[in-house]
């Protein structure tokens, strides 16, 4: 890292610690409250917080996840499947001959998770738009 990059990172780290960390946790709290009982949302134990690189839902099936992602896309709401292929199926681990039977939860999550927009500048209106689209699709 050169001096200029370090100077920029120092300012960014300061902003992250002063308000961005609190803001992503507030956004996550709003998502969780608005989606409670609709989909499975991230769980953070009381007294803890997250830096929330993603806010990831667990849907009931791959079909439901893919359908919701398509619906969100049709409504100009970005979403992402960050890990569609589990680690044990990655080329780097191929010679280990892992069996899918040993990774049931991993396989299910790779098929059923979907990440929503998450950054410190989300407004409550942004979150309402996303949550209302999810509720509309899942009704």
N, C-alpha and C. Protein backbone atom coordinates (compact mmCIF):
# COMPACT_ATOMS: atom_id res chain seq x y z
N UNK A 1 0.86 -1.17 0.00
CA UNK A 1 0.00 0.00 0.00
C UNK A 1 0.91 1.23 0.00
N UNK A 2 0.60 2.17 -0.87
CA UNK A 2 1.40 3.39 -0.90
C UNK A 2 0.83 4.42 0.08
N UNK A 3 1.51 5.53 0.22
CA UNK A 3 1.13 6.57 1.18
C UNK A 3 -0.25 7.15 0.90
N UNK A 4 -0.55 7.39 -0.36
CA UNK A 4 -1.85 7.94 -0.72
C UNK A 4 -2.99 6.98 -0.35
N UNK A 5 -2.81 5.70 -0.67
CA UNK A 5 -3.82 4.70 -0.32
C UNK A 5 -4.00 4.63 1.20
N UNK A 6 -2.89 4.70 1.93
CA UNK A 6 -2.95 4.65 3.40
C UNK A 6 -3.70 5.86 3.94
N UNK A 7 -3.49 7.03 3.37
CA UNK A 7 -4.17 8.24 3.83
C UNK A 7 -5.68 8.12 3.60
N UNK A 8 -6.06 7.61 2.44
CA UNK A 8 -7.48 7.43 2.13
C UNK A 8 -8.09 6.39 3.07
N UNK A 9 -7.40 5.30 3.29
CA UNK A 9 -7.89 4.25 4.17
C UNK A 9 -8.05 4.75 5.59
N UNK A 10 -7.13 5.59 6.05
CA UNK A 10 -7.22 6.14 7.40
C UNK A 10 -8.50 6.96 7.58
N UNK A 11 -8.83 7.78 6.58
CA UNK A 11 -10.07 8.56 6.62
C UNK A 11 -11.28 7.62 6.59
N UNK A 12 -11.23 6.62 5.72
CA UNK A 12 -12.34 5.67 5.59
C UNK A 12 -12.54 4.88 6.89
N UNK A 13 -11.46 4.43 7.51
CA UNK A 13 -11.57 3.70 8.78
C UNK A 13 -12.19 4.57 9.86
N UNK A 14 -11.81 5.83 9.89
CA UNK A 14 -12.38 6.76 10.86
C UNK A 14 -13.88 6.89 10.65
N UNK A 15 -14.31 7.07 9.39
CA UNK A 15 -15.74 7.16 9.08
C UNK A 15 -16.45 5.86 9.45
N UNK A 16 -15.82 4.73 9.15
CA UNK A 16 -16.41 3.44 9.47
C UNK A 16 -16.67 3.32 10.97
N UNK A 17 -15.70 3.69 11.76
CA UNK A 17 -15.83 3.54 13.21
C UNK A 17 -16.78 4.58 13.80
N UNK A 18 -16.81 5.79 13.24
CA UNK A 18 -17.64 6.86 13.81
C UNK A 18 -19.12 6.69 13.54
N UNK A 19 -19.48 6.26 12.30
CA UNK A 19 -20.91 6.19 12.00
C UNK A 19 -21.31 5.05 11.07
N UNK A 20 -20.46 4.59 10.18
CA UNK A 20 -20.90 3.58 9.24
C UNK A 20 -21.25 2.26 9.90
N UNK A 21 -20.49 1.85 10.90
CA UNK A 21 -20.78 0.60 11.60
C UNK A 21 -22.15 0.66 12.27
N UNK A 22 -22.44 1.75 12.93
CA UNK A 22 -23.76 1.92 13.57
C UNK A 22 -24.86 1.96 12.51
N UNK A 23 -24.58 2.62 11.39
CA UNK A 23 -25.60 2.75 10.35
C UNK A 23 -25.94 1.42 9.69
N UNK A 24 -24.94 0.56 9.45
CA UNK A 24 -25.28 -0.75 8.86
C UNK A 24 -26.03 -1.61 9.87
N UNK A 25 -25.71 -1.47 11.14
CA UNK A 25 -26.45 -2.23 12.15
C UNK A 25 -27.88 -1.72 12.28
N UNK A 26 -28.09 -0.41 12.12
CA UNK A 26 -29.45 0.14 12.13
C UNK A 26 -30.23 -0.35 10.90
N UNK A 27 -29.57 -0.39 9.75
CA UNK A 27 -30.23 -0.90 8.54
C UNK A 27 -30.60 -2.37 8.73
N UNK A 28 -29.69 -3.14 9.28
CA UNK A 28 -29.98 -4.56 9.53
C UNK A 28 -31.13 -4.74 10.51
N UNK A 29 -31.16 -3.90 11.53
CA UNK A 29 -32.25 -3.96 12.51
C UNK A 29 -33.60 -3.69 11.83
N UNK A 30 -33.62 -2.69 10.93
CA UNK A 30 -34.87 -2.39 10.22
C UNK A 30 -35.27 -3.56 9.32
N UNK A 31 -34.32 -4.12 8.56
CA UNK A 31 -34.62 -5.28 7.74
C UNK A 31 -35.21 -6.40 8.60
N UNK A 32 -34.55 -6.68 9.70
CA UNK A 32 -34.98 -7.79 10.57
C UNK A 32 -36.39 -7.55 11.11
N UNK A 33 -36.67 -6.34 11.56
CA UNK A 33 -38.00 -6.03 12.08
C UNK A 33 -39.07 -6.15 11.00
N UNK A 34 -38.78 -5.66 9.82
CA UNK A 34 -39.77 -5.63 8.75
C UNK A 34 -39.97 -7.00 8.09
N UNK A 35 -38.98 -7.88 8.21
CA UNK A 35 -39.08 -9.21 7.59
C UNK A 35 -39.33 -10.32 8.62
N UNK A 36 -39.53 -9.93 9.87
CA UNK A 36 -39.77 -10.91 10.93
C UNK A 36 -40.99 -11.76 10.60
N UNK A 37 -40.81 -13.06 10.63
CA UNK A 37 -41.90 -13.99 10.36
C UNK A 37 -42.15 -14.22 8.88
N UNK A 38 -41.43 -13.53 8.01
CA UNK A 38 -41.62 -13.67 6.56
C UNK A 38 -40.55 -14.59 5.98
N UNK A 39 -39.29 -14.31 6.34
CA UNK A 39 -38.14 -15.10 5.90
C UNK A 39 -37.17 -15.24 7.07
N UNK A 40 -36.23 -16.14 6.94
CA UNK A 40 -35.20 -16.30 7.96
C UNK A 40 -34.13 -15.23 7.76
N UNK A 41 -33.92 -14.41 8.79
CA UNK A 41 -32.97 -13.31 8.73
C UNK A 41 -31.75 -13.62 9.60
N UNK A 42 -30.66 -12.86 9.41
CA UNK A 42 -29.47 -13.10 10.24
C UNK A 42 -29.76 -12.93 11.73
N UNK A 43 -29.09 -13.72 12.52
CA UNK A 43 -29.23 -13.64 13.97
C UNK A 43 -27.92 -13.16 14.57
N UNK A 44 -28.00 -12.07 15.29
CA UNK A 44 -26.86 -11.54 16.04
C UNK A 44 -27.28 -11.56 17.51
N UNK A 45 -26.55 -12.27 18.37
CA UNK A 45 -26.94 -12.34 19.78
C UNK A 45 -26.98 -10.97 20.44
N UNK A 46 -27.84 -10.83 21.42
CA UNK A 46 -27.97 -9.59 22.18
C UNK A 46 -26.61 -9.17 22.72
N UNK A 47 -26.31 -7.89 22.58
CA UNK A 47 -25.04 -7.36 23.09
C UNK A 47 -23.91 -7.41 22.07
N UNK A 48 -24.18 -7.94 20.87
CA UNK A 48 -23.17 -8.03 19.82
C UNK A 48 -23.63 -7.22 18.61
N UNK A 49 -22.72 -6.99 17.70
CA UNK A 49 -23.06 -6.31 16.45
C UNK A 49 -22.22 -6.91 15.34
N UNK A 50 -22.55 -6.54 14.11
CA UNK A 50 -21.86 -7.07 12.94
C UNK A 50 -21.41 -5.93 12.06
N UNK A 51 -20.39 -6.16 11.27
CA UNK A 51 -19.98 -5.16 10.28
C UNK A 51 -20.78 -5.32 8.98
N UNK A 52 -21.60 -6.35 8.87
CA UNK A 52 -22.54 -6.57 7.76
C UNK A 52 -21.97 -6.25 6.38
N UNK A 53 -21.08 -7.09 5.92
CA UNK A 53 -20.66 -6.99 4.52
C UNK A 53 -21.85 -7.33 3.63
N UNK A 54 -22.69 -8.25 4.10
CA UNK A 54 -23.93 -8.61 3.41
C UNK A 54 -25.04 -8.78 4.45
N UNK A 55 -26.27 -8.63 4.00
CA UNK A 55 -27.44 -8.98 4.82
C UNK A 55 -28.12 -10.10 4.06
N UNK A 56 -28.00 -11.31 4.60
CA UNK A 56 -28.37 -12.51 3.84
C UNK A 56 -29.57 -13.21 4.46
N UNK A 57 -30.56 -13.46 3.61
CA UNK A 57 -31.77 -14.19 3.98
C UNK A 57 -31.61 -15.67 3.65
N UNK A 58 -32.34 -16.51 4.35
CA UNK A 58 -32.44 -17.93 3.99
C UNK A 58 -33.88 -18.16 3.54
N UNK A 59 -34.02 -18.59 2.29
CA UNK A 59 -35.33 -18.91 1.74
C UNK A 59 -35.61 -20.40 1.89
N UNK A 60 -36.81 -20.83 1.55
CA UNK A 60 -37.22 -22.22 1.76
C UNK A 60 -36.64 -23.19 0.74
N UNK A 61 -36.30 -22.70 -0.46
CA UNK A 61 -35.80 -23.59 -1.51
C UNK A 61 -35.03 -22.77 -2.53
N UNK A 62 -34.31 -23.47 -3.37
CA UNK A 62 -33.58 -22.82 -4.46
C UNK A 62 -34.56 -22.14 -5.41
N UNK A 63 -35.68 -22.79 -5.67
CA UNK A 63 -36.69 -22.23 -6.56
C UNK A 63 -37.25 -20.91 -5.99
N UNK A 64 -37.54 -20.91 -4.70
CA UNK A 64 -38.06 -19.69 -4.07
C UNK A 64 -36.99 -18.59 -4.10
N UNK A 65 -35.75 -18.96 -3.79
CA UNK A 65 -34.66 -17.98 -3.81
C UNK A 65 -34.47 -17.40 -5.20
N UNK A 66 -34.39 -18.27 -6.21
CA UNK A 66 -34.17 -17.80 -7.58
C UNK A 66 -35.35 -16.97 -8.08
N UNK A 67 -36.56 -17.37 -7.71
CA UNK A 67 -37.74 -16.60 -8.10
C UNK A 67 -37.75 -15.23 -7.46
N UNK A 68 -37.41 -15.16 -6.17
CA UNK A 68 -37.35 -13.88 -5.48
C UNK A 68 -36.27 -12.99 -6.09
N UNK A 69 -35.13 -13.57 -6.37
CA UNK A 69 -34.05 -12.78 -6.96
C UNK A 69 -34.49 -12.20 -8.31
N UNK A 70 -35.14 -12.99 -9.11
CA UNK A 70 -35.64 -12.53 -10.40
C UNK A 70 -36.67 -11.42 -10.22
N UNK A 71 -37.58 -11.61 -9.26
CA UNK A 71 -38.61 -10.60 -8.98
C UNK A 71 -37.98 -9.29 -8.52
N UNK A 72 -37.00 -9.38 -7.63
CA UNK A 72 -36.32 -8.17 -7.18
C UNK A 72 -35.62 -7.48 -8.35
N UNK A 73 -34.96 -8.27 -9.17
CA UNK A 73 -34.27 -7.72 -10.35
C UNK A 73 -35.27 -7.01 -11.27
N UNK A 74 -36.43 -7.62 -11.49
CA UNK A 74 -37.47 -7.01 -12.33
C UNK A 74 -37.96 -5.68 -11.76
N UNK A 75 -37.80 -5.52 -10.44
CA UNK A 75 -38.21 -4.29 -9.77
C UNK A 75 -37.02 -3.38 -9.45
N UNK A 76 -35.93 -3.60 -10.16
CA UNK A 76 -34.71 -2.78 -10.02
C UNK A 76 -34.15 -2.76 -8.61
N UNK A 77 -34.25 -3.91 -7.92
CA UNK A 77 -33.68 -4.05 -6.59
C UNK A 77 -32.54 -5.06 -6.70
N UNK A 78 -31.32 -4.63 -6.45
CA UNK A 78 -30.20 -5.56 -6.56
C UNK A 78 -30.21 -6.59 -5.44
N UNK A 79 -29.77 -7.78 -5.75
CA UNK A 79 -29.57 -8.84 -4.76
C UNK A 79 -28.46 -9.71 -5.30
N UNK A 80 -27.92 -10.56 -4.46
CA UNK A 80 -26.76 -11.33 -4.90
C UNK A 80 -26.69 -12.67 -4.18
N UNK A 81 -26.28 -13.69 -4.92
CA UNK A 81 -25.91 -14.98 -4.35
C UNK A 81 -24.38 -14.99 -4.38
N UNK A 82 -23.76 -14.79 -3.25
CA UNK A 82 -22.32 -14.65 -3.21
C UNK A 82 -21.57 -15.98 -3.29
N UNK A 83 -22.15 -17.04 -2.79
CA UNK A 83 -21.45 -18.32 -2.75
C UNK A 83 -22.34 -19.42 -3.32
N UNK A 84 -22.52 -19.44 -4.64
CA UNK A 84 -23.40 -20.45 -5.23
C UNK A 84 -22.82 -21.86 -5.20
N UNK A 85 -21.51 -21.97 -5.03
CA UNK A 85 -20.85 -23.28 -5.03
C UNK A 85 -20.13 -23.45 -3.70
N UNK A 86 -20.47 -24.51 -2.96
CA UNK A 86 -19.82 -24.71 -1.66
C UNK A 86 -18.32 -24.98 -1.80
N UNK A 87 -17.59 -24.70 -0.75
CA UNK A 87 -16.13 -24.88 -0.80
C UNK A 87 -15.71 -26.29 -1.16
N UNK A 88 -16.43 -27.29 -0.65
CA UNK A 88 -16.00 -28.66 -0.91
C UNK A 88 -16.16 -29.05 -2.38
N UNK A 89 -16.87 -28.22 -3.16
CA UNK A 89 -17.02 -28.47 -4.59
C UNK A 89 -16.09 -27.60 -5.43
N UNK A 90 -15.30 -26.76 -4.78
CA UNK A 90 -14.35 -25.91 -5.50
C UNK A 90 -13.20 -26.76 -6.04
N UNK A 91 -12.66 -26.33 -7.15
CA UNK A 91 -11.58 -27.07 -7.81
C UNK A 91 -10.40 -27.32 -6.87
N UNK A 92 -10.09 -26.35 -6.02
CA UNK A 92 -8.95 -26.48 -5.11
C UNK A 92 -9.08 -27.68 -4.17
N UNK A 93 -10.29 -28.15 -3.94
CA UNK A 93 -10.52 -29.26 -3.02
C UNK A 93 -10.93 -30.55 -3.74
N UNK A 94 -10.90 -30.55 -5.05
CA UNK A 94 -11.38 -31.69 -5.84
C UNK A 94 -10.66 -32.99 -5.49
N UNK A 95 -9.38 -32.94 -5.28
CA UNK A 95 -8.62 -34.17 -5.01
C UNK A 95 -8.95 -34.79 -3.66
N UNK A 96 -9.65 -34.07 -2.82
CA UNK A 96 -10.02 -34.60 -1.50
C UNK A 96 -11.25 -35.50 -1.57
N UNK A 97 -11.95 -35.47 -2.71
CA UNK A 97 -13.11 -36.33 -2.94
C UNK A 97 -14.16 -36.26 -1.83
N UNK A 98 -14.49 -35.06 -1.42
CA UNK A 98 -15.53 -34.89 -0.42
C UNK A 98 -16.88 -35.34 -0.97
N UNK A 99 -17.71 -35.85 -0.08
CA UNK A 99 -19.05 -36.28 -0.45
C UNK A 99 -20.06 -35.22 -0.04
N UNK A 100 -21.05 -34.98 -0.89
CA UNK A 100 -22.12 -34.04 -0.54
C UNK A 100 -22.82 -34.43 0.76
N UNK A 101 -22.87 -35.71 1.05
CA UNK A 101 -23.56 -36.19 2.25
C UNK A 101 -22.95 -35.62 3.52
N UNK A 102 -21.69 -35.21 3.48
CA UNK A 102 -21.03 -34.66 4.66
C UNK A 102 -21.28 -33.16 4.83
N UNK A 103 -21.98 -32.55 3.88
CA UNK A 103 -22.14 -31.10 3.89
C UNK A 103 -23.58 -30.69 3.60
N UNK A 104 -24.51 -31.32 4.28
CA UNK A 104 -25.93 -31.06 4.03
C UNK A 104 -26.33 -29.62 4.27
N UNK A 105 -25.90 -29.03 5.38
CA UNK A 105 -26.26 -27.65 5.70
C UNK A 105 -25.61 -26.70 4.70
N UNK A 106 -24.35 -26.94 4.40
CA UNK A 106 -23.64 -26.11 3.42
C UNK A 106 -24.35 -26.13 2.07
N UNK A 107 -24.69 -27.32 1.59
CA UNK A 107 -25.36 -27.44 0.30
C UNK A 107 -26.71 -26.72 0.30
N UNK A 108 -27.46 -26.88 1.38
CA UNK A 108 -28.76 -26.21 1.49
C UNK A 108 -28.59 -24.70 1.46
N UNK A 109 -27.64 -24.17 2.22
CA UNK A 109 -27.45 -22.73 2.27
C UNK A 109 -27.00 -22.17 0.92
N UNK A 110 -26.14 -22.89 0.22
CA UNK A 110 -25.71 -22.42 -1.10
C UNK A 110 -26.89 -22.33 -2.06
N UNK A 111 -27.89 -23.16 -1.86
CA UNK A 111 -29.07 -23.15 -2.72
C UNK A 111 -30.15 -22.16 -2.28
N UNK A 112 -30.13 -21.76 -1.00
CA UNK A 112 -31.28 -21.04 -0.45
C UNK A 112 -31.01 -19.63 0.05
N UNK A 113 -29.77 -19.16 0.01
CA UNK A 113 -29.51 -17.82 0.56
C UNK A 113 -29.49 -16.76 -0.52
N UNK A 114 -29.88 -15.56 -0.11
CA UNK A 114 -29.91 -14.41 -1.00
C UNK A 114 -29.55 -13.17 -0.19
N UNK A 115 -28.59 -12.40 -0.68
CA UNK A 115 -28.16 -11.19 0.02
C UNK A 115 -28.83 -9.96 -0.56
N UNK A 116 -29.30 -9.11 0.34
CA UNK A 116 -30.00 -7.88 -0.01
C UNK A 116 -29.03 -6.70 -0.02
N UNK A 117 -29.46 -5.58 -0.59
CA UNK A 117 -28.61 -4.39 -0.53
C UNK A 117 -28.26 -4.06 0.93
N UNK A 118 -26.98 -3.80 1.18
CA UNK A 118 -26.55 -3.47 2.53
C UNK A 118 -25.36 -2.53 2.46
N UNK A 119 -25.57 -1.32 2.97
CA UNK A 119 -24.50 -0.34 3.11
C UNK A 119 -24.97 0.72 4.10
N UNK A 120 -24.07 1.54 4.60
CA UNK A 120 -24.45 2.48 5.65
C UNK A 120 -25.33 3.63 5.20
N UNK A 121 -25.56 3.75 3.90
CA UNK A 121 -26.32 4.89 3.40
C UNK A 121 -27.75 4.51 3.00
N UNK A 122 -28.19 3.31 3.37
CA UNK A 122 -29.57 2.90 3.11
C UNK A 122 -30.51 3.74 3.97
N UNK A 123 -31.59 4.19 3.36
CA UNK A 123 -32.61 4.92 4.11
C UNK A 123 -33.72 3.95 4.49
N UNK A 124 -34.58 4.38 5.38
CA UNK A 124 -35.72 3.55 5.73
C UNK A 124 -36.62 3.34 4.52
N UNK A 125 -36.72 4.34 3.65
CA UNK A 125 -37.51 4.19 2.42
C UNK A 125 -36.91 3.12 1.51
N UNK A 126 -35.58 3.09 1.41
CA UNK A 126 -34.92 2.05 0.62
C UNK A 126 -35.27 0.66 1.18
N UNK A 127 -35.18 0.54 2.47
CA UNK A 127 -35.43 -0.74 3.13
C UNK A 127 -36.90 -1.12 2.98
N UNK A 128 -37.80 -0.16 3.10
CA UNK A 128 -39.22 -0.43 2.90
C UNK A 128 -39.48 -0.94 1.48
N UNK A 129 -38.83 -0.33 0.50
CA UNK A 129 -39.00 -0.75 -0.89
C UNK A 129 -38.60 -2.22 -1.06
N UNK A 130 -37.44 -2.58 -0.51
CA UNK A 130 -36.95 -3.96 -0.62
C UNK A 130 -37.89 -4.91 0.12
N UNK A 131 -38.22 -4.58 1.35
CA UNK A 131 -39.07 -5.46 2.18
C UNK A 131 -40.47 -5.62 1.59
N UNK A 132 -41.02 -4.55 1.08
CA UNK A 132 -42.35 -4.65 0.47
C UNK A 132 -42.33 -5.53 -0.77
N UNK A 133 -41.27 -5.45 -1.55
CA UNK A 133 -41.16 -6.32 -2.73
C UNK A 133 -41.04 -7.78 -2.30
N UNK A 134 -40.28 -8.05 -1.26
CA UNK A 134 -40.15 -9.43 -0.75
C UNK A 134 -41.51 -9.94 -0.27
N UNK A 135 -42.21 -9.14 0.49
CA UNK A 135 -43.53 -9.53 1.01
C UNK A 135 -44.50 -9.76 -0.15
N UNK A 136 -44.47 -8.91 -1.15
CA UNK A 136 -45.36 -9.05 -2.30
C UNK A 136 -45.07 -10.36 -3.03
N UNK A 137 -43.80 -10.67 -3.22
CA UNK A 137 -43.45 -11.90 -3.94
C UNK A 137 -43.84 -13.15 -3.13
N UNK A 138 -43.65 -13.12 -1.84
CA UNK A 138 -43.86 -14.31 -1.00
C UNK A 138 -45.30 -14.49 -0.54
N UNK A 139 -46.18 -13.55 -0.84
CA UNK A 139 -47.57 -13.69 -0.35
C UNK A 139 -48.32 -14.80 -1.04
